[in-house]
C-alpha atoms as a PDB file:
ATOM      1  CA  UNK A   1       0.174  -0.074   0.005  1.00  0.00           C
ATOM      2  CA  UNK A   2       2.964   2.487   0.668  1.00  0.00           C
ATOM      3  CA  UNK A   3       2.923   2.713  -3.301  1.00  0.00           C
ATOM      4  CA  UNK A   4      -0.521   4.472  -2.862  1.00  0.00           C
ATOM      5  CA  UNK A   5       0.577   6.952  -0.332  1.00  0.00           C
ATOM      6  CA  UNK A   6      -0.949  10.435  -0.591  1.00  0.00           C
ATOM      7  CA  UNK A   7       1.332  12.371   2.206  1.00  0.00           C
ATOM      8  CA  UNK A   8       2.221  15.816   1.505  1.00  0.00           C
ATOM      9  CA  UNK A   9      -0.930  15.971  -1.482  1.00  0.00           C
ATOM     10  CA  UNK A  10      -3.873  18.328  -1.075  1.00  0.00           C
ATOM     11  CA  UNK A  11      -7.416  17.133  -2.644  1.00  0.00           C
ATOM     12  CA  UNK A  12     -10.462  18.686  -3.394  1.00  0.00           C
ATOM     13  CA  UNK A  13     -13.281  16.911  -3.184  1.00  0.00           C
ATOM     14  CA  UNK A  14     -17.081  18.504  -4.672  1.00  0.00           C
ATOM     15  CA  UNK A  15     -20.125  16.382  -3.271  1.00  0.00           C
ATOM     16  CA  UNK A  16     -18.673  15.509  -0.318  1.00  0.00           C
ATOM     17  CA  UNK A  17     -21.032  15.253   2.299  1.00  0.00           C
ATOM     18  CA  UNK A  18     -22.237  12.183   1.772  1.00  0.00           C
ATOM     19  CA  UNK A  19     -22.149   8.936  -0.537  1.00  0.00           C
ATOM     20  CA  UNK A  20     -19.605   8.623  -2.953  1.00  0.00           C
ATOM     21  CA  UNK A  21     -17.861  11.912  -2.528  1.00  0.00           C
ATOM     22  CA  UNK A  22     -17.820  11.159   1.377  1.00  0.00           C
ATOM     23  CA  UNK A  23     -16.346   7.882   0.551  1.00  0.00           C
ATOM     24  CA  UNK A  24     -13.713   8.998  -2.103  1.00  0.00           C
ATOM     25  CA  UNK A  25     -12.494  11.903   0.812  1.00  0.00           C
ATOM     26  CA  UNK A  26     -12.354   9.161   3.721  1.00  0.00           C
ATOM     27  CA  UNK A  27      -9.872   7.269   1.190  1.00  0.00           C
ATOM     28  CA  UNK A  28      -7.687  10.116   0.093  1.00  0.00           C
ATOM     29  CA  UNK A  29      -7.862  11.383   3.866  1.00  0.00           C
ATOM     30  CA  UNK A  30      -6.655   7.452   4.619  1.00  0.00           C
ATOM     31  CA  UNK A  31      -3.937   7.793   2.335  1.00  0.00           C
ATOM     32  CA  UNK A  32      -2.035  10.660   3.836  1.00  0.00           C
ATOM     33  CA  UNK A  33      -3.488  13.624   1.917  1.00  0.00           C
ATOM     34  CA  UNK A  34      -5.138  16.665   3.063  1.00  0.00           C
ATOM     35  CA  UNK A  35      -8.842  16.723   1.899  1.00  0.00           C
ATOM     36  CA  UNK A  36     -11.477  19.664   1.890  1.00  0.00           C
ATOM     37  CA  UNK A  37     -14.659  18.533   1.064  1.00  0.00           C
ATOM     38  CA  UNK A  38     -17.067  20.714  -0.773  1.00  0.00           C
ATOM     39  CA  UNK A  39     -20.788  20.330  -0.749  1.00  0.00           C
ATOM     40  CA  UNK A  40     -24.106  22.554  -0.454  1.00  0.00           C
ATOM     41  CA  UNK A  41     -24.902  20.884   2.987  1.00  0.00           C
ATOM     42  CA  UNK A  42     -24.522  23.660   5.633  1.00  0.00           C
ATOM     43  CA  UNK A  43     -23.269  20.987   8.259  1.00  0.00           C
ATOM     44  CA  UNK A  44     -20.223  20.023   5.924  1.00  0.00           C
ATOM     45  CA  UNK A  45     -17.872  21.195   8.372  1.00  0.00           C
ATOM     46  CA  UNK A  46     -19.321  19.276  11.345  1.00  0.00           C
ATOM     47  CA  UNK A  47     -19.481  16.195   8.481  1.00  0.00           C
ATOM     48  CA  UNK A  48     -15.263  16.584   7.968  1.00  0.00           C
ATOM     49  CA  UNK A  49     -14.785  17.239  11.856  1.00  0.00           C
ATOM     50  CA  UNK A  50     -16.106  13.920  12.048  1.00  0.00           C
ATOM     51  CA  UNK A  51     -13.804  12.270   9.618  1.00  0.00           C
ATOM     52  CA  UNK A  52     -10.673  13.551  11.163  1.00  0.00           C
ATOM     53  CA  UNK A  53      -8.801  10.907  13.401  1.00  0.00           C
ATOM     54  CA  UNK A  54      -5.413   9.230  12.811  1.00  0.00           C
ATOM     55  CA  UNK A  55      -3.793  11.857  11.861  1.00  0.00           C
ATOM     56  CA  UNK A  56      -6.495  12.568   8.900  1.00  0.00           C
ATOM     57  CA  UNK A  57      -6.672  16.654   7.849  1.00  0.00           C
ATOM     58  CA  UNK A  58      -9.686  17.222   6.327  1.00  0.00           C
ATOM     59  CA  UNK A  59     -12.087  20.585   6.221  1.00  0.00           C
ATOM     60  CA  UNK A  60     -15.648  21.407   5.158  1.00  0.00           C
ATOM     61  CA  UNK A  61     -16.041  24.454   2.830  1.00  0.00           C
ATOM     62  CA  UNK A  62     -19.885  25.167   2.187  1.00  0.00           C
ATOM     63  CA  UNK A  63     -20.994  26.083  -0.938  1.00  0.00           C
ATOM     64  CA  UNK A  64     -23.266  26.531  -4.188  1.00  0.00           C
ATOM     65  CA  UNK A  65     -21.561  25.262  -6.926  1.00  0.00           C
ATOM     66  CA  UNK A  66     -24.730  25.970  -9.179  1.00  0.00           C
ATOM     67  CA  UNK A  67     -23.879  29.680  -8.601  1.00  0.00           C
ATOM     68  CA  UNK A  68     -21.010  30.740  -9.951  1.00  0.00           C
ATOM     69  CA  UNK A  69     -19.501  33.974  -7.734  1.00  0.00           C
ATOM     70  CA  UNK A  70     -20.289  31.182  -4.772  1.00  0.00           C
ATOM     71  CA  UNK A  71     -18.604  28.355  -6.295  1.00  0.00           C
ATOM     72  CA  UNK A  72     -15.298  30.736  -7.022  1.00  0.00           C
ATOM     73  CA  UNK A  73     -15.531  31.556  -3.508  1.00  0.00           C
ATOM     74  CA  UNK A  74     -15.625  28.245  -2.030  1.00  0.00           C
ATOM     75  CA  UNK A  75     -12.615  26.700  -4.107  1.00  0.00           C
ATOM     76  CA  UNK A  76     -10.542  29.727  -3.137  1.00  0.00           C
ATOM     77  CA  UNK A  77     -11.294  29.055   0.303  1.00  0.00           C
ATOM     78  CA  UNK A  78     -10.290  25.540  -0.161  1.00  0.00           C
ATOM     79  CA  UNK A  79      -6.950  26.490  -1.926  1.00  0.00           C
ATOM     80  CA  UNK A  80      -6.701  29.233   1.454  1.00  0.00           C
ATOM     81  CA  UNK A  81      -7.105  26.336   3.744  1.00  0.00           C
ATOM     82  CA  UNK A  82      -5.011  23.521   1.870  1.00  0.00           C
ATOM     83  CA  UNK A  83      -2.122  26.351   0.365  1.00  0.00           C
ATOM     84  CA  UNK A  84      -3.143  24.378  -3.122  1.00  0.00           C
ATOM     85  CA  UNK A  85      -4.399  21.866  -4.905  1.00  0.00           C
ATOM     86  CA  UNK A  86      -2.999  18.450  -6.262  1.00  0.00           C
ATOM     87  CA  UNK A  87      -6.491  16.353  -6.796  1.00  0.00           C
ATOM     88  CA  UNK A  88      -9.581  17.573  -7.804  1.00  0.00           C
ATOM     89  CA  UNK A  89     -12.595  14.846  -7.499  1.00  0.00           C
ATOM     90  CA  UNK A  90     -15.690  16.590  -9.305  1.00  0.00           C
ATOM     91  CA  UNK A  91     -18.480  14.428  -7.762  1.00  0.00           C
ATOM     92  CA  UNK A  92     -21.252  16.572  -7.004  1.00  0.00           C
ATOM     93  CA  UNK A  93     -24.064  16.301  -9.583  1.00  0.00           C
ATOM     94  CA  UNK A  94     -27.924  15.914 -10.000  1.00  0.00           C
ATOM     95  CA  UNK A  95     -30.475  14.515 -12.643  1.00  0.00           C
ATOM     96  CA  UNK A  96     -33.687  15.562 -13.288  1.00  0.00           C
ATOM     97  CA  UNK A  97     -35.879  12.265 -14.198  1.00  0.00           C
ATOM     98  CA  UNK A  98     -38.759  12.911 -16.571  1.00  0.00           C
ATOM     99  CA  UNK A  99     -40.017  12.911 -20.352  1.00  0.00           C
ATOM    100  CA  UNK A 100     -37.372  15.541 -21.807  1.00  0.00           C
ATOM    101  CA  UNK A 101     -40.825  17.608 -22.836  1.00  0.00           C
ATOM    102  CA  UNK A 102     -42.246  17.859 -18.960  1.00  0.00           C
ATOM    103  CA  UNK A 103     -38.368  18.692 -17.741  1.00  0.00           C
ATOM    104  CA  UNK A 104     -39.124  22.375 -16.514  1.00  0.00           C
ATOM    105  CA  UNK A 105     -36.450  24.748 -18.037  1.00  0.00           C
ATOM    106  CA  UNK A 106     -35.165  25.766 -14.478  1.00  0.00           C
ATOM    107  CA  UNK A 107     -34.380  22.473 -13.357  1.00  0.00           C
ATOM    108  CA  UNK A 108     -32.458  21.761 -16.733  1.00  0.00           C
ATOM    109  CA  UNK A 109     -30.254  25.129 -16.178  1.00  0.00           C
ATOM    110  CA  UNK A 110     -29.461  23.420 -12.491  1.00  0.00           C
ATOM    111  CA  UNK A 111     -28.585  20.630 -14.284  1.00  0.00           C
ATOM    112  CA  UNK A 112     -26.088  22.062 -16.651  1.00  0.00           C
ATOM    113  CA  UNK A 113     -24.359  23.999 -14.108  1.00  0.00           C
ATOM    114  CA  UNK A 114     -23.606  21.434 -11.805  1.00  0.00           C
ATOM    115  CA  UNK A 115     -22.854  18.693 -13.898  1.00  0.00           C
ATOM    116  CA  UNK A 116     -21.153  20.930 -16.682  1.00  0.00           C
ATOM    117  CA  UNK A 117     -20.382  23.994 -15.948  1.00  0.00           C
ATOM    118  CA  UNK A 118     -19.318  23.613 -12.319  1.00  0.00           C
ATOM    119  CA  UNK A 119     -17.249  21.107 -13.663  1.00  0.00           C
ATOM    120  CA  UNK A 120     -15.037  23.668 -15.785  1.00  0.00           C
ATOM    121  CA  UNK A 121     -14.852  25.705 -13.516  1.00  0.00           C
ATOM    122  CA  UNK A 122     -13.653  23.518 -10.800  1.00  0.00           C
END
């Protein structure tokens, strides 16, 4: 496992409040990386604190990645907290279920903003 060590590396994981993003953030931290969890959830800081232990360094940053200004603020905060970034996992995403002709244009805009534009901006 020593070949997979990430000691000295920094990582940002979007959508890290739960599910796959949370598991990926935990794995990166376990491998020795300093990790910023970024999520829309207001309790992301508490989630990061609960994941700390065994020398793991994780921080939580709340940001709405569908809001371009908030994305920039959140990403900048992650950079300041970590001192840079070596690894970026763009995990945040959403889906809208339904027939194309029934999907609300506002839902479509949010989907594209998070799944495409935020990924590019990060």
